[in-house]
Amino acid sequence: MYKVDDVINCTVCGIEKYGIFIRTEDDYTGLIHISEISSDFVRNVSDYAKVGEKIKCQVLEVNDELKQLKLTIKHLNFKEGYSREEISKLDSGFDTLKNNLPKWIEEKKQEFSDKK
């Protein structure tokens, strides 16, 4: 659906110190890595976008199978003509790992002890 170099409309759904998470209207998610926010040094990612804000992004990579995008806003006037709207914040991609890792470790321990 999306192609490299497409400029698309996105909604900011999360901010982390390493980048901006977005969602498209057709449920693709994506990351604008801190290195793709500006050609200048980016001290604070949240100085560039807020959760719920609509922005324009340029597509760098597409994974249609996972509906994920790698994006940039470096060379765009990415806020032109958009207003903010509130949406719920997308959980950090690391929350799944953080929340499930102890359970997965215990399951593997049990699996190994059952084999003995």
N, C-alpha and C. Protein backbone atom coordinates (compact mmCIF):
# COMPACT_ATOMS: atom_id res chain seq x y z
N MET A 1 0.82 -1.18 0.00
CA MET A 1 0.00 0.00 0.00
C MET A 1 0.87 1.26 0.00
N TYR A 2 1.77 1.38 0.97
CA TYR A 2 2.68 2.53 0.99
C TYR A 2 3.95 2.18 0.23
N LYS A 3 4.60 3.23 -0.30
CA LYS A 3 5.85 3.04 -1.01
C LYS A 3 6.90 3.97 -0.42
N VAL A 4 8.17 3.60 -0.58
CA VAL A 4 9.27 4.44 -0.14
C VAL A 4 9.13 5.81 -0.81
N ASP A 5 9.36 6.85 -0.05
CA ASP A 5 9.28 8.26 -0.46
C ASP A 5 7.88 8.84 -0.46
N ASP A 6 6.82 8.03 -0.22
CA ASP A 6 5.48 8.59 -0.08
C ASP A 6 5.47 9.55 1.10
N VAL A 7 4.71 10.65 0.98
CA VAL A 7 4.47 11.55 2.11
C VAL A 7 3.04 11.27 2.56
N ILE A 8 2.90 10.88 3.83
CA ILE A 8 1.60 10.41 4.33
C ILE A 8 1.19 11.19 5.57
N ASN A 9 -0.11 11.17 5.86
CA ASN A 9 -0.66 11.79 7.05
C ASN A 9 -0.67 10.77 8.18
N CYS A 10 -0.22 11.18 9.36
CA CYS A 10 -0.12 10.29 10.51
C CYS A 10 -0.59 11.00 11.76
N THR A 11 -0.91 10.23 12.78
CA THR A 11 -1.23 10.77 14.09
C THR A 11 -0.20 10.27 15.09
N VAL A 12 0.36 11.18 15.86
CA VAL A 12 1.34 10.81 16.88
C VAL A 12 0.62 10.08 18.01
N CYS A 13 1.11 8.88 18.33
CA CYS A 13 0.45 8.09 19.37
C CYS A 13 1.40 7.71 20.50
N GLY A 14 2.63 8.15 20.43
CA GLY A 14 3.57 7.90 21.52
C GLY A 14 4.86 8.66 21.31
N ILE A 15 5.47 9.03 22.42
CA ILE A 15 6.75 9.73 22.40
C ILE A 15 7.69 8.99 23.34
N GLU A 16 8.85 8.67 22.87
CA GLU A 16 9.91 8.07 23.69
C GLU A 16 11.16 8.90 23.48
N LYS A 17 12.16 8.71 24.31
CA LYS A 17 13.38 9.51 24.16
C LYS A 17 14.12 9.21 22.87
N TYR A 18 13.82 8.07 22.23
CA TYR A 18 14.51 7.68 21.00
C TYR A 18 13.69 7.93 19.74
N GLY A 19 12.45 8.45 19.87
CA GLY A 19 11.68 8.70 18.67
C GLY A 19 10.20 8.93 18.91
N ILE A 20 9.49 9.10 17.80
CA ILE A 20 8.06 9.39 17.79
C ILE A 20 7.33 8.20 17.17
N PHE A 21 6.32 7.68 17.87
CA PHE A 21 5.49 6.60 17.33
C PHE A 21 4.27 7.21 16.67
N ILE A 22 3.89 6.67 15.51
CA ILE A 22 2.72 7.18 14.79
C ILE A 22 1.78 6.03 14.43
N ARG A 23 0.58 6.42 14.06
CA ARG A 23 -0.43 5.48 13.55
C ARG A 23 -1.08 6.16 12.35
N THR A 24 -1.35 5.37 11.31
CA THR A 24 -2.05 5.89 10.14
C THR A 24 -3.53 5.56 10.26
N GLU A 25 -4.33 6.15 9.39
CA GLU A 25 -5.78 5.90 9.41
C GLU A 25 -6.12 4.45 9.11
N ASP A 26 -5.24 3.74 8.39
CA ASP A 26 -5.51 2.33 8.07
C ASP A 26 -4.70 1.39 8.96
N ASP A 27 -4.38 1.85 10.17
CA ASP A 27 -3.78 1.04 11.24
C ASP A 27 -2.37 0.54 10.99
N TYR A 28 -1.62 1.21 10.16
CA TYR A 28 -0.18 0.97 10.12
C TYR A 28 0.41 1.74 11.30
N THR A 29 1.46 1.21 11.89
CA THR A 29 2.18 1.92 12.93
C THR A 29 3.58 2.20 12.43
N GLY A 30 4.23 3.16 13.04
CA GLY A 30 5.57 3.48 12.58
C GLY A 30 6.37 4.22 13.61
N LEU A 31 7.65 4.33 13.32
CA LEU A 31 8.58 5.05 14.19
C LEU A 31 9.35 6.06 13.37
N ILE A 32 9.42 7.26 13.91
CA ILE A 32 10.33 8.28 13.40
C ILE A 32 11.48 8.29 14.41
N HIS A 33 12.58 7.65 14.05
CA HIS A 33 13.73 7.58 14.96
C HIS A 33 14.26 8.99 15.20
N ILE A 34 14.83 9.22 16.36
CA ILE A 34 15.36 10.54 16.72
C ILE A 34 16.30 11.09 15.65
N SER A 35 17.03 10.22 14.98
CA SER A 35 17.95 10.66 13.93
C SER A 35 17.22 11.12 12.67
N GLU A 36 15.92 10.84 12.57
CA GLU A 36 15.12 11.23 11.41
C GLU A 36 14.16 12.38 11.71
N ILE A 37 14.34 13.02 12.88
CA ILE A 37 13.47 14.14 13.26
C ILE A 37 13.99 15.46 12.70
N SER A 38 15.29 15.67 12.80
CA SER A 38 15.87 16.93 12.36
C SER A 38 17.33 16.72 11.96
N SER A 39 17.80 17.59 11.10
CA SER A 39 19.23 17.55 10.75
C SER A 39 20.07 18.15 11.88
N ASP A 40 19.43 18.92 12.74
CA ASP A 40 20.10 19.49 13.91
C ASP A 40 20.04 18.49 15.07
N PHE A 41 20.80 18.76 16.12
CA PHE A 41 20.79 17.92 17.31
C PHE A 41 19.41 17.98 17.97
N VAL A 42 18.84 16.82 18.28
CA VAL A 42 17.54 16.75 18.95
C VAL A 42 17.78 16.40 20.42
N ARG A 43 17.58 17.36 21.28
CA ARG A 43 17.78 17.14 22.71
C ARG A 43 16.55 16.46 23.33
N ASN A 44 15.36 16.92 22.92
CA ASN A 44 14.14 16.42 23.52
C ASN A 44 13.12 16.16 22.41
N VAL A 45 12.79 14.91 22.20
CA VAL A 45 11.86 14.51 21.13
C VAL A 45 10.51 15.20 21.29
N SER A 46 10.05 15.36 22.51
CA SER A 46 8.72 15.95 22.73
C SER A 46 8.67 17.44 22.40
N ASP A 47 9.80 18.05 22.05
CA ASP A 47 9.78 19.42 21.55
C ASP A 47 9.26 19.48 20.11
N TYR A 48 9.23 18.35 19.43
CA TYR A 48 8.87 18.31 18.02
C TYR A 48 7.44 17.85 17.75
N ALA A 49 6.85 17.07 18.65
CA ALA A 49 5.50 16.57 18.43
C ALA A 49 4.87 16.21 19.77
N LYS A 50 3.56 16.19 19.79
CA LYS A 50 2.79 15.84 20.99
C LYS A 50 1.82 14.71 20.64
N VAL A 51 1.52 13.87 21.61
CA VAL A 51 0.55 12.80 21.40
C VAL A 51 -0.77 13.40 20.97
N GLY A 52 -1.34 12.85 19.92
CA GLY A 52 -2.61 13.32 19.37
C GLY A 52 -2.47 14.27 18.20
N GLU A 53 -1.26 14.75 17.97
CA GLU A 53 -1.02 15.70 16.90
C GLU A 53 -0.97 14.99 15.55
N LYS A 54 -1.53 15.64 14.53
CA LYS A 54 -1.45 15.10 13.16
C LYS A 54 -0.24 15.72 12.48
N ILE A 55 0.57 14.86 11.85
CA ILE A 55 1.77 15.33 11.16
C ILE A 55 1.91 14.62 9.82
N LYS A 56 2.73 15.20 8.95
CA LYS A 56 3.09 14.56 7.68
C LYS A 56 4.43 13.88 7.86
N CYS A 57 4.59 12.67 7.32
CA CYS A 57 5.83 11.91 7.40
C CYS A 57 6.19 11.39 6.02
N GLN A 58 7.48 11.18 5.80
CA GLN A 58 7.95 10.57 4.56
C GLN A 58 8.36 9.14 4.86
N VAL A 59 7.94 8.20 4.03
CA VAL A 59 8.20 6.78 4.23
C VAL A 59 9.63 6.43 3.79
N LEU A 60 10.37 5.77 4.70
CA LEU A 60 11.71 5.28 4.40
C LEU A 60 11.72 3.78 4.12
N GLU A 61 10.92 3.03 4.89
CA GLU A 61 10.81 1.57 4.71
C GLU A 61 9.39 1.14 5.03
N VAL A 62 8.94 0.05 4.39
CA VAL A 62 7.60 -0.48 4.58
C VAL A 62 7.67 -1.97 4.85
N ASN A 63 6.93 -2.43 5.86
CA ASN A 63 6.73 -3.85 6.11
C ASN A 63 5.22 -4.06 6.10
N ASP A 64 4.67 -4.45 4.91
CA ASP A 64 3.23 -4.64 4.77
C ASP A 64 2.72 -5.81 5.60
N GLU A 65 3.54 -6.82 5.76
CA GLU A 65 3.12 -8.00 6.53
C GLU A 65 2.80 -7.62 7.98
N LEU A 66 3.65 -6.80 8.59
CA LEU A 66 3.47 -6.37 9.98
C LEU A 66 2.75 -5.03 10.09
N LYS A 67 2.47 -4.39 8.94
CA LYS A 67 1.85 -3.07 8.89
C LYS A 67 2.67 -2.06 9.70
N GLN A 68 3.98 -2.06 9.43
CA GLN A 68 4.90 -1.15 10.12
C GLN A 68 5.67 -0.30 9.11
N LEU A 69 5.96 0.93 9.54
CA LEU A 69 6.67 1.87 8.70
C LEU A 69 7.87 2.46 9.44
N LYS A 70 8.92 2.74 8.70
CA LYS A 70 10.04 3.53 9.20
C LYS A 70 9.92 4.86 8.48
N LEU A 71 9.95 5.96 9.24
CA LEU A 71 9.60 7.26 8.68
C LEU A 71 10.63 8.33 9.00
N THR A 72 10.51 9.45 8.28
CA THR A 72 11.32 10.62 8.54
C THR A 72 10.46 11.87 8.45
N ILE A 73 10.85 12.91 9.18
CA ILE A 73 10.23 14.22 9.04
C ILE A 73 11.31 15.28 8.82
N LYS A 74 12.54 14.82 8.67
CA LYS A 74 13.71 15.70 8.56
C LYS A 74 13.56 16.80 7.52
N HIS A 75 13.05 16.47 6.37
CA HIS A 75 13.04 17.40 5.25
C HIS A 75 11.64 17.89 4.90
N LEU A 76 10.71 17.76 5.84
CA LEU A 76 9.32 18.16 5.59
C LEU A 76 8.89 19.28 6.51
N ASN A 77 7.97 20.09 6.04
CA ASN A 77 7.25 21.00 6.94
C ASN A 77 6.10 20.16 7.50
N PHE A 78 6.42 19.34 8.50
CA PHE A 78 5.53 18.25 8.89
C PHE A 78 4.29 18.65 9.66
N LYS A 79 4.18 19.90 10.12
CA LYS A 79 3.00 20.31 10.89
C LYS A 79 2.06 21.23 10.12
N GLU A 80 2.41 21.57 8.93
CA GLU A 80 1.65 22.55 8.15
C GLU A 80 0.19 22.15 7.99
N GLY A 81 -0.70 23.03 8.45
CA GLY A 81 -2.12 22.85 8.19
C GLY A 81 -2.83 21.79 9.01
N TYR A 82 -2.23 21.31 10.08
CA TYR A 82 -2.87 20.28 10.88
C TYR A 82 -3.21 20.79 12.26
N SER A 83 -4.34 20.32 12.79
CA SER A 83 -4.72 20.65 14.16
C SER A 83 -4.56 19.42 15.03
N ARG A 84 -4.53 19.62 16.32
CA ARG A 84 -4.37 18.49 17.26
C ARG A 84 -5.72 17.85 17.55
N GLU A 85 -5.70 16.56 17.79
CA GLU A 85 -6.88 15.86 18.28
C GLU A 85 -6.38 14.82 19.28
N GLU A 86 -7.11 14.62 20.32
CA GLU A 86 -6.68 13.71 21.36
C GLU A 86 -6.95 12.25 20.95
N ILE A 87 -5.97 11.42 21.12
CA ILE A 87 -6.14 9.98 20.95
C ILE A 87 -5.44 9.32 22.12
N SER A 88 -5.75 8.08 22.37
CA SER A 88 -5.09 7.39 23.47
C SER A 88 -3.65 7.06 23.08
N LYS A 89 -2.76 7.15 24.04
CA LYS A 89 -1.34 6.92 23.80
C LYS A 89 -1.10 5.44 23.55
N LEU A 90 -0.33 5.14 22.52
CA LEU A 90 0.06 3.77 22.20
C LEU A 90 1.11 3.32 23.19
N ASP A 91 0.98 2.11 23.72
CA ASP A 91 1.99 1.60 24.63
C ASP A 91 3.33 1.50 23.94
N SER A 92 4.37 1.68 24.72
CA SER A 92 5.73 1.53 24.21
C SER A 92 5.91 0.11 23.70
N GLY A 93 6.67 -0.04 22.65
CA GLY A 93 6.94 -1.35 22.09
C GLY A 93 7.66 -2.27 23.05
N PHE A 94 8.33 -1.70 24.06
CA PHE A 94 9.06 -2.51 25.02
C PHE A 94 8.20 -2.97 26.18
N ASP A 95 6.98 -2.44 26.33
CA ASP A 95 6.12 -2.84 27.44
C ASP A 95 5.78 -4.32 27.39
N THR A 96 5.55 -4.87 26.19
CA THR A 96 5.24 -6.29 26.08
C THR A 96 6.39 -7.12 26.62
N LEU A 97 7.60 -6.78 26.25
CA LEU A 97 8.77 -7.49 26.75
C LEU A 97 8.88 -7.35 28.26
N LYS A 98 8.78 -6.13 28.75
CA LYS A 98 8.90 -5.87 30.18
C LYS A 98 7.85 -6.65 30.98
N ASN A 99 6.62 -6.67 30.49
CA ASN A 99 5.53 -7.31 31.22
C ASN A 99 5.57 -8.83 31.14
N ASN A 100 6.09 -9.40 30.07
CA ASN A 100 6.05 -10.84 29.87
C ASN A 100 7.34 -11.58 30.15
N LEU A 101 8.47 -10.88 30.19
CA LEU A 101 9.76 -11.54 30.36
C LEU A 101 9.82 -12.42 31.60
N PRO A 102 9.40 -11.96 32.78
CA PRO A 102 9.46 -12.86 33.95
C PRO A 102 8.66 -14.15 33.76
N LYS A 103 7.49 -14.04 33.15
CA LYS A 103 6.65 -15.22 32.90
C LYS A 103 7.35 -16.17 31.92
N TRP A 104 7.94 -15.60 30.85
CA TRP A 104 8.61 -16.43 29.86
C TRP A 104 9.82 -17.15 30.45
N ILE A 105 10.54 -16.47 31.33
CA ILE A 105 11.70 -17.10 31.98
C ILE A 105 11.24 -18.26 32.84
N GLU A 106 10.18 -18.06 33.61
CA GLU A 106 9.66 -19.13 34.46
C GLU A 106 9.16 -20.31 33.63
N GLU A 107 8.52 -20.03 32.51
CA GLU A 107 8.05 -21.10 31.63
C GLU A 107 9.23 -21.91 31.10
N LYS A 108 10.30 -21.26 30.70
CA LYS A 108 11.48 -21.97 30.19
C LYS A 108 12.16 -22.78 31.29
N LYS A 109 12.23 -22.21 32.48
CA LYS A 109 12.81 -22.94 33.62
C LYS A 109 12.02 -24.22 33.87
N GLN A 110 10.70 -24.09 33.85
CA GLN A 110 9.84 -25.25 34.09
C GLN A 110 10.01 -26.28 32.97
N GLU A 111 10.11 -25.81 31.76
CA GLU A 111 10.31 -26.68 30.60
C GLU A 111 11.60 -27.48 30.73
N PHE A 112 12.68 -26.82 31.15
CA PHE A 112 13.97 -27.50 31.33
C PHE A 112 13.94 -28.48 32.49
N SER A 113 13.26 -28.10 33.57
CA SER A 113 13.21 -29.01 34.72
C SER A 113 12.33 -30.24 34.42
N ASP A 114 11.32 -30.07 33.58
CA ASP A 114 10.46 -31.20 33.18
C ASP A 114 11.23 -32.21 32.32
N LYS A 115 12.24 -31.75 31.59
CA LYS A 115 13.01 -32.62 30.72
C LYS A 115 14.02 -33.49 31.50
N LYS A 116 14.31 -33.11 32.73
CA LYS A 116 15.29 -33.85 33.53
C LYS A 116 14.74 -35.11 34.10
